[in-house]
Amino acid sequence: MILFFEGLMTGSRLVAAKVYLTSNEEVAGEHFICKKGDVLSGGTRGFVIEGGMVPYILFV
C-alpha cells in the first residue's frame, strides 16, 4: 500500500514538473471542471483545460 501511494505521489510530481518546466501558456479566465458532488471528499479527478494539452489533477 505504501508503494502504491509513493507511485501516485511520484507521478503527481512528474506531471507538476513537466508543466512548470515546459509550459509557457497561462490559463486565462475560469473553467468548469466538474460539479461539486462529482468528486467525493478525499478523492481526485484528472482533467485537461479545454483547448490545452496539459493534464491537471484536482484533489478534494
C-alpha atoms as a PDB file:
ATOM      1  CA  MET A   1       0.000   0.000   0.000  1.00  0.00           C
ATOM      2  CA  ILE A   2       2.856   2.364   0.778  1.00  0.00           C
ATOM      3  CA  LEU A   3       4.398   1.670  -2.625  1.00  0.00           C
ATOM      4  CA  PHE A   4       1.081   2.462  -4.291  1.00  0.00           C
ATOM      5  CA  PHE A   5       0.840   5.885  -2.656  1.00  0.00           C
ATOM      6  CA  GLU A   6       4.527   6.519  -3.311  1.00  0.00           C
ATOM      7  CA  GLY A   7       3.829   5.865  -7.001  1.00  0.00           C
ATOM      8  CA  LEU A   8       0.894   8.284  -7.013  1.00  0.00           C
ATOM      9  CA  MET A   9       2.991  10.945  -5.339  1.00  0.00           C
ATOM     10  CA  THR A  10       5.865  10.449  -7.782  1.00  0.00           C
ATOM     11  CA  GLY A  11       3.524  10.603 -10.763  1.00  0.00           C
ATOM     12  CA  SER A  12       1.943  13.818  -9.494  1.00  0.00           C
ATOM     13  CA  ARG A  13       5.376  15.358  -9.030  1.00  0.00           C
ATOM     14  CA  LEU A  14       6.389  14.390 -12.562  1.00  0.00           C
ATOM     15  CA  VAL A  15       3.250  15.976 -14.017  1.00  0.00           C
ATOM     16  CA  ALA A  16       3.800  19.144 -11.969  1.00  0.00           C
ATOM     17  CA  ALA A  17       7.458  19.343 -13.006  1.00  0.00           C
ATOM     18  CA  LYS A  18       6.562  18.862 -16.669  1.00  0.00           C
ATOM     19  CA  VAL A  19       4.009  21.667 -16.535  1.00  0.00           C
ATOM     20  CA  TYR A  20       6.283  24.010 -14.599  1.00  0.00           C
ATOM     21  CA  LEU A  21       9.329  23.463 -16.809  1.00  0.00           C
ATOM     22  CA  THR A  22       7.745  23.250 -20.261  1.00  0.00           C
ATOM     23  CA  SER A  23       4.526  25.277 -20.234  1.00  0.00           C
ATOM     24  CA  ASN A  24       4.699  28.879 -21.394  1.00  0.00           C
ATOM     25  CA  GLU A  25       0.972  29.421 -21.747  1.00  0.00           C
ATOM     26  CA  GLU A  26      -1.156  30.826 -18.958  1.00  0.00           C
ATOM     27  CA  VAL A  27      -4.680  29.705 -18.190  1.00  0.00           C
ATOM     28  CA  ALA A  28      -6.944  32.704 -18.599  1.00  0.00           C
ATOM     29  CA  GLY A  29     -10.389  33.017 -17.042  1.00  0.00           C
ATOM     30  CA  GLU A  30     -12.461  30.454 -15.215  1.00  0.00           C
ATOM     31  CA  HIS A  31     -13.035  26.906 -16.454  1.00  0.00           C
ATOM     32  CA  PHE A  32     -15.682  24.407 -15.404  1.00  0.00           C
ATOM     33  CA  ILE A  33     -14.055  21.198 -14.169  1.00  0.00           C
ATOM     34  CA  CYS A  34     -16.886  19.239 -12.556  1.00  0.00           C
ATOM     35  CA  LYS A  35     -19.861  19.544 -10.254  1.00  0.00           C
ATOM     36  CA  LYS A  36     -19.182  19.639  -6.529  1.00  0.00           C
ATOM     37  CA  GLY A  37     -20.822  16.242  -5.995  1.00  0.00           C
ATOM     38  CA  ASP A  38     -18.847  14.504  -8.773  1.00  0.00           C
ATOM     39  CA  VAL A  39     -15.752  14.075  -6.585  1.00  0.00           C
ATOM     40  CA  LEU A  40     -16.069  12.600  -3.117  1.00  0.00           C
ATOM     41  CA  SER A  41     -14.150  14.024  -0.178  1.00  0.00           C
ATOM     42  CA  GLY A  42     -10.621  12.642  -0.296  1.00  0.00           C
ATOM     43  CA  GLY A  43     -10.941  11.815  -3.982  1.00  0.00           C
ATOM     44  CA  THR A  44      -9.183  13.028  -7.095  1.00  0.00           C
ATOM     45  CA  ARG A  45     -10.151  13.913 -10.642  1.00  0.00           C
ATOM     46  CA  GLY A  46      -7.902  14.282 -13.643  1.00  0.00           C
ATOM     47  CA  PHE A  47      -8.764  16.868 -16.266  1.00  0.00           C
ATOM     48  CA  VAL A  48      -7.428  18.897 -19.179  1.00  0.00           C
ATOM     49  CA  ILE A  49      -8.459  22.519 -19.720  1.00  0.00           C
ATOM     50  CA  GLU A  50     -10.391  22.981 -22.966  1.00  0.00           C
ATOM     51  CA  GLY A  51      -8.012  23.879 -25.778  1.00  0.00           C
ATOM     52  CA  GLY A  52      -4.928  22.752 -23.842  1.00  0.00           C
ATOM     53  CA  MET A  53      -2.842  19.610 -23.640  1.00  0.00           C
ATOM     54  CA  VAL A  54      -1.561  19.843 -20.046  1.00  0.00           C
ATOM     55  CA  PRO A  55      -3.072  17.322 -17.617  1.00  0.00           C
ATOM     56  CA  TYR A  56      -4.110  18.580 -14.177  1.00  0.00           C
ATOM     57  CA  ILE A  57      -5.211  16.721 -11.043  1.00  0.00           C
ATOM     58  CA  LEU A  58      -7.898  18.041  -8.696  1.00  0.00           C
ATOM     59  CA  PHE A  59      -7.562  16.860  -5.081  1.00  0.00           C
ATOM     60  CA  VAL A  60     -10.638  17.281  -2.875  1.00  0.00           C
END
